[in-house]
Amino acid sequence: MSLPPIRVTCEPPIAILSLDRPEKLNAMDIPLLAELRKKLVETIADEAIGAIILTGEGVAFSAGADLAATLDNLPRDAQGEIDLACLLREYYNPILHTMQSSPKPVIAAVNGVAAGGASSLAFMADLTLAARSARFSQAFVRVGLIPDVGGSWILPRTLGWQHALGTALLGCTLSADEAFAKGLIWSVVDDRQQLLNTARQLALQLASIPPVTFAAIKQGLRSGMQKSFDAQLDLEAELQGACGRAEFHALANRFLQR
């Protein structure tokens, strides 16, 4: 009997979800993707958990899609062509929607190579930490594909048009320092062995934020990339009102008493 492809370590208020196929550099096949979505949903619903860390076992975060295992299990159209759209819609996109709608912080701790869709997945976390030795490969073009797993959404919003297009067309691999300089990740950790402890410290800090406040900040900033100025001011007022009705008074008094 094979082991589950996602290892869950609960350290309340933190849950660590580890991609656990180290012999395959944590390459993502359909069972891993399905299990990752399931464990994300479960940990988000767990009242004892306030923040989630996503990382990889072994020397890699993930080598990306396990093409050999995945392609054999994909549906085909009438002409016998593999339906990659189905793979994204049924397996990858639900993970992204779960992460983006999560009222609890999702932190990616990238311990090694993050290739293809795995690099996009790391960039789509709320905050991403990386060991200095980590690498982010956007090599989709080398197999005739476009950036996916949210890559086509996050890259132009973060890098701007020229850098996003160049990264996609040239299949660039970014070092952790380059990804940090371009705003794709939050922080670089010198020692790979200390990466998870640094992620734990960050997770503890984020877990202390009231969930309504975290969700409102996340919604407000994401909407700010799309809404008009006036519409964003209206949303700010709405979200601030929701925060003020929650734990505002207790937190404000605590702050003033410092």
Protein backbone atom coordinates (compact mmCIF):
# COMPACT_ATOMS: atom_id res chain seq x y z
CA MET A 1 0.00 0.00 0.00
CA SER A 2 1.47 3.34 -1.05
CA LEU A 3 1.84 6.20 1.40
CA PRO A 4 -0.36 9.31 1.07
CA PRO A 5 1.24 11.87 -1.27
CA ILE A 6 0.61 14.70 1.22
CA ARG A 7 2.13 14.56 4.70
CA VAL A 8 0.18 16.55 7.29
CA THR A 9 1.91 17.74 10.46
CA CYS A 10 -0.35 19.53 12.93
CA GLU A 11 1.37 21.91 15.35
CA PRO A 12 -1.59 24.08 16.45
CA PRO A 13 -2.09 26.80 15.48
CA ILE A 14 0.00 25.70 12.47
CA ALA A 15 -0.55 22.89 9.98
CA ILE A 16 2.26 21.86 7.64
CA LEU A 17 1.26 20.23 4.35
CA SER A 18 4.24 18.58 2.67
CA LEU A 19 4.27 17.30 -0.89
CA ASP A 20 5.59 13.81 -0.16
CA ARG A 21 6.94 12.12 -3.29
CA PRO A 22 10.64 12.85 -2.72
CA GLU A 23 11.74 10.00 -4.99
CA LYS A 24 9.99 11.88 -7.84
CA LEU A 25 11.10 15.33 -6.62
CA ASN A 26 7.49 15.76 -5.45
CA ALA A 27 6.24 15.83 -9.04
CA MET A 28 2.49 16.43 -9.05
CA ASP A 29 0.29 13.62 -10.31
CA ILE A 30 -3.49 13.37 -10.04
CA PRO A 31 -3.55 11.56 -6.65
CA LEU A 32 -1.26 14.22 -5.16
CA LEU A 33 -3.37 17.07 -6.53
CA ALA A 34 -6.60 15.53 -5.26
CA GLU A 35 -5.09 14.89 -1.83
CA LEU A 36 -3.64 18.41 -1.61
CA ARG A 37 -7.05 19.96 -2.25
CA LYS A 38 -8.64 17.64 0.32
CA LYS A 39 -6.06 18.43 3.01
CA LEU A 40 -6.26 22.16 2.33
CA VAL A 41 -10.04 22.07 2.81
CA GLU A 42 -9.70 20.02 6.01
CA THR A 43 -7.05 22.22 7.61
CA ILE A 44 -8.87 25.43 6.69
CA ALA A 45 -11.98 24.03 8.41
CA ASP A 46 -10.02 22.96 11.52
CA GLU A 47 -10.70 25.50 14.27
CA ALA A 48 -7.39 24.64 15.95
CA ILE A 49 -5.44 25.76 12.88
CA GLY A 50 -4.74 29.43 12.21
CA ALA A 51 -2.15 29.23 9.42
CA ILE A 52 -0.98 26.67 6.87
CA ILE A 53 2.53 26.02 5.54
CA LEU A 54 2.95 24.31 2.17
CA THR A 55 6.36 22.77 1.48
CA GLY A 56 8.07 19.77 -0.11
CA GLU A 57 9.80 16.73 1.36
CA GLY A 58 13.41 16.12 0.40
CA VAL A 59 15.51 18.37 -1.81
CA ALA A 60 12.73 19.84 -3.98
CA PHE A 61 9.54 21.79 -3.52
CA SER A 62 8.19 20.14 -6.67
CA ALA A 63 9.49 19.34 -10.14
CA GLY A 64 6.08 20.30 -11.54
CA ALA A 65 3.63 18.01 -13.27
CA ASP A 66 4.44 14.31 -13.34
CA LEU A 67 3.86 14.09 -17.07
CA ALA A 68 4.53 10.37 -17.38
CA ALA A 69 1.98 9.49 -14.70
CA THR A 70 -0.55 12.22 -15.47
CA LEU A 71 -0.87 12.01 -19.24
CA ASP A 72 -1.87 8.34 -19.15
CA ASN A 73 -4.80 9.18 -16.87
CA LEU A 74 -6.21 12.20 -18.69
CA PRO A 75 -9.38 12.06 -20.78
CA ARG A 76 -9.02 12.44 -24.52
CA ASP A 77 -11.24 14.20 -27.01
CA ALA A 78 -12.86 12.67 -30.09
CA GLN A 79 -9.60 12.99 -32.01
CA GLY A 80 -7.65 11.22 -29.26
CA GLU A 81 -5.88 14.39 -28.13
CA ILE A 82 -5.08 14.77 -24.44
CA ASP A 83 -7.37 17.26 -22.68
CA LEU A 84 -5.04 19.46 -20.62
CA ALA A 85 -7.90 21.89 -19.99
CA CYS A 86 -9.62 19.13 -18.04
CA LEU A 87 -6.52 18.63 -15.88
CA LEU A 88 -6.45 22.32 -14.96
CA ARG A 89 -10.18 22.71 -14.38
CA GLU A 90 -10.65 19.54 -12.35
CA TYR A 91 -7.45 19.36 -10.32
CA TYR A 92 -5.27 22.49 -10.30
CA ASN A 93 -7.87 25.25 -10.37
CA PRO A 94 -9.80 23.94 -7.33
CA ILE A 95 -6.55 24.09 -5.33
CA LEU A 96 -6.00 27.70 -6.38
CA HIS A 97 -9.58 28.69 -5.58
CA THR A 98 -9.25 27.04 -2.15
CA MET A 99 -6.01 28.90 -1.42
CA GLN A 100 -7.25 32.25 -2.68
CA SER A 101 -10.54 32.08 -0.76
CA SER A 102 -8.95 30.77 2.44
CA PRO A 103 -9.67 32.90 5.53
CA LYS A 104 -6.43 31.51 6.95
CA PRO A 105 -2.94 32.38 5.67
CA VAL A 106 -1.27 29.91 3.32
CA ILE A 107 2.53 30.20 3.37
CA ALA A 108 4.73 28.46 0.80
CA ALA A 109 8.16 27.37 2.04
CA VAL A 110 10.14 26.57 -1.10
CA ASN A 111 13.03 24.33 -0.13
CA GLY A 112 14.46 23.58 -3.58
CA VAL A 113 13.46 23.56 -7.22
CA ALA A 114 9.91 24.68 -8.05
CA ALA A 115 9.32 23.97 -11.72
CA GLY A 116 6.44 24.73 -14.06
CA GLY A 117 3.09 24.67 -12.30
CA ALA A 118 4.81 24.22 -8.95
CA SER A 119 6.52 27.59 -9.31
CA SER A 120 3.16 29.20 -10.11
CA LEU A 121 1.61 27.42 -7.12
CA ALA A 122 4.32 28.84 -4.86
CA PHE A 123 3.77 32.36 -6.21
CA MET A 124 0.02 32.05 -5.58
CA ALA A 125 0.46 31.46 -1.84
CA ASP A 126 -0.34 34.39 0.44
CA LEU A 127 3.33 34.73 1.40
CA THR A 128 6.21 32.73 -0.04
CA LEU A 129 9.55 32.05 1.61
CA ALA A 130 12.41 30.39 -0.24
CA ALA A 131 15.78 28.96 0.63
CA ARG A 132 18.52 30.89 -1.13
CA SER A 133 19.32 27.74 -3.11
CA ALA A 134 15.74 27.48 -4.44
CA ARG A 135 14.99 27.95 -8.13
CA PHE A 136 11.74 28.89 -9.87
CA SER A 137 11.43 27.58 -13.43
CA GLN A 138 8.77 28.88 -15.82
CA ALA A 139 9.76 26.47 -18.61
CA PHE A 140 6.27 25.90 -20.05
CA VAL A 141 7.29 27.23 -23.46
CA ARG A 142 9.85 24.43 -23.83
CA VAL A 143 7.01 21.90 -24.11
CA GLY A 144 4.79 24.22 -26.15
CA LEU A 145 2.58 25.38 -23.28
CA ILE A 146 1.65 28.63 -21.55
CA PRO A 147 2.18 29.51 -17.87
CA ASP A 148 -0.64 27.91 -15.91
CA VAL A 149 -1.66 27.17 -12.30
CA GLY A 150 -2.30 30.90 -12.01
CA GLY A 151 0.98 31.88 -13.65
CA SER A 152 -0.66 33.89 -16.41
CA TRP A 153 -2.54 35.83 -13.70
CA ILE A 154 0.22 36.50 -11.17
CA LEU A 155 3.19 37.15 -13.48
CA PRO A 156 1.91 40.26 -15.31
CA ARG A 157 0.44 41.69 -12.11
CA THR A 158 3.75 41.30 -10.31
CA LEU A 159 6.39 41.72 -13.00
CA GLY A 160 4.69 44.07 -15.45
CA TRP A 161 4.09 43.29 -19.11
CA GLN A 162 7.66 43.20 -20.46
CA HIS A 163 9.18 41.08 -17.71
CA ALA A 164 6.18 38.74 -17.57
CA LEU A 165 6.18 38.18 -21.33
CA GLY A 166 9.94 37.73 -21.45
CA THR A 167 9.85 35.25 -18.58
CA ALA A 168 7.15 33.21 -20.34
CA LEU A 169 8.62 33.34 -23.85
CA LEU A 170 12.18 32.53 -22.78
CA GLY A 171 11.23 29.92 -20.19
CA CYS A 172 13.26 31.69 -17.55
CA THR A 173 14.53 30.11 -14.36
CA LEU A 174 14.75 32.58 -11.47
CA SER A 175 16.95 32.25 -8.43
CA ALA A 176 15.40 32.92 -5.04
CA ASP A 177 17.15 36.29 -4.94
CA GLU A 178 15.81 37.19 -8.40
CA ALA A 179 12.28 36.14 -7.44
CA PHE A 180 12.54 38.28 -4.31
CA ALA A 181 13.88 41.29 -6.22
CA LYS A 182 10.97 41.04 -8.67
CA GLY A 183 8.38 40.86 -5.88
CA LEU A 184 7.30 37.27 -6.57
CA ILE A 185 8.20 36.02 -3.08
CA TRP A 186 8.20 37.56 0.38
CA SER A 187 11.58 36.53 1.77
CA VAL A 188 14.77 34.54 1.19
CA VAL A 189 16.24 32.37 3.95
CA ASP A 190 20.00 31.79 3.83
CA ASP A 191 20.02 28.34 5.40
CA ARG A 192 17.73 25.74 3.82
CA GLN A 193 17.70 23.87 7.12
CA GLN A 194 16.21 26.95 8.83
CA LEU A 195 13.54 27.53 6.19
CA LEU A 196 10.78 25.62 7.95
CA ASN A 197 11.52 27.21 11.32
CA THR A 198 11.39 30.66 9.71
CA ALA A 199 8.08 29.71 8.09
CA ARG A 200 6.78 28.54 11.47
CA GLN A 201 7.65 31.89 13.06
CA LEU A 202 5.85 33.73 10.28
CA ALA A 203 2.86 31.39 10.53
CA LEU A 204 2.56 32.01 14.27
CA GLN A 205 2.55 35.75 13.67
CA LEU A 206 -0.09 35.51 10.95
CA ALA A 207 -2.22 33.07 12.95
CA SER A 208 -2.61 35.74 15.63
CA ILE A 209 -4.45 38.03 13.18
CA PRO A 210 -8.25 37.80 13.54
CA PRO A 211 -9.57 35.76 10.59
CA VAL A 212 -12.02 38.50 9.58
CA THR A 213 -9.14 40.99 9.43
CA PHE A 214 -6.90 38.68 7.41
CA ALA A 215 -9.68 37.90 4.94
CA ALA A 216 -10.58 41.60 4.61
CA ILE A 217 -6.97 42.66 3.97
CA LYS A 218 -6.57 39.93 1.37
CA GLN A 219 -9.85 40.79 -0.37
CA GLY A 220 -9.18 44.52 -0.27
CA LEU A 221 -5.69 44.34 -1.77
CA ARG A 222 -6.68 41.86 -4.45
CA SER A 223 -9.66 43.98 -5.45
CA GLY A 224 -7.42 47.04 -5.53
CA MET A 225 -5.64 45.57 -8.57
CA GLN A 226 -8.89 45.54 -10.54
CA LYS A 227 -11.42 48.05 -9.24
CA SER A 228 -11.69 51.73 -10.07
CA PHE A 229 -10.55 54.26 -7.47
CA ASP A 230 -14.09 55.12 -6.36
CA ALA A 231 -15.18 51.48 -6.26
CA GLN A 232 -12.13 50.60 -4.18
CA LEU A 233 -12.88 53.35 -1.66
CA ASP A 234 -16.40 51.97 -1.30
CA LEU A 235 -15.01 48.48 -0.72
CA GLU A 236 -12.51 49.83 1.82
CA ALA A 237 -15.36 51.35 3.80
CA GLU A 238 -17.37 48.13 3.62
CA LEU A 239 -14.46 45.94 4.73
CA GLN A 240 -13.40 48.35 7.47
CA GLY A 241 -16.94 48.30 8.78
CA ALA A 242 -16.85 44.51 8.96
CA CYS A 243 -13.51 44.57 10.79
CA GLY A 244 -14.73 47.23 13.22
CA ARG A 245 -17.69 45.07 14.21
CA ALA A 246 -15.48 42.09 14.99
CA GLU A 247 -12.52 42.38 17.35
CA PHE A 248 -11.57 45.99 16.71
CA HIS A 249 -12.30 47.42 20.15
CA ALA A 250 -10.42 44.72 22.06
CA LEU A 251 -7.41 44.96 19.76
CA ALA A 252 -7.44 48.76 19.80
CA ASN A 253 -7.48 48.84 23.59
CA ARG A 254 -4.65 46.31 23.73
CA PHE A 255 -2.62 48.45 21.31
CA LEU A 256 -3.24 51.65 23.28
CA GLN A 257 -2.19 50.00 26.55
CA ARG A 258 1.29 49.10 25.26
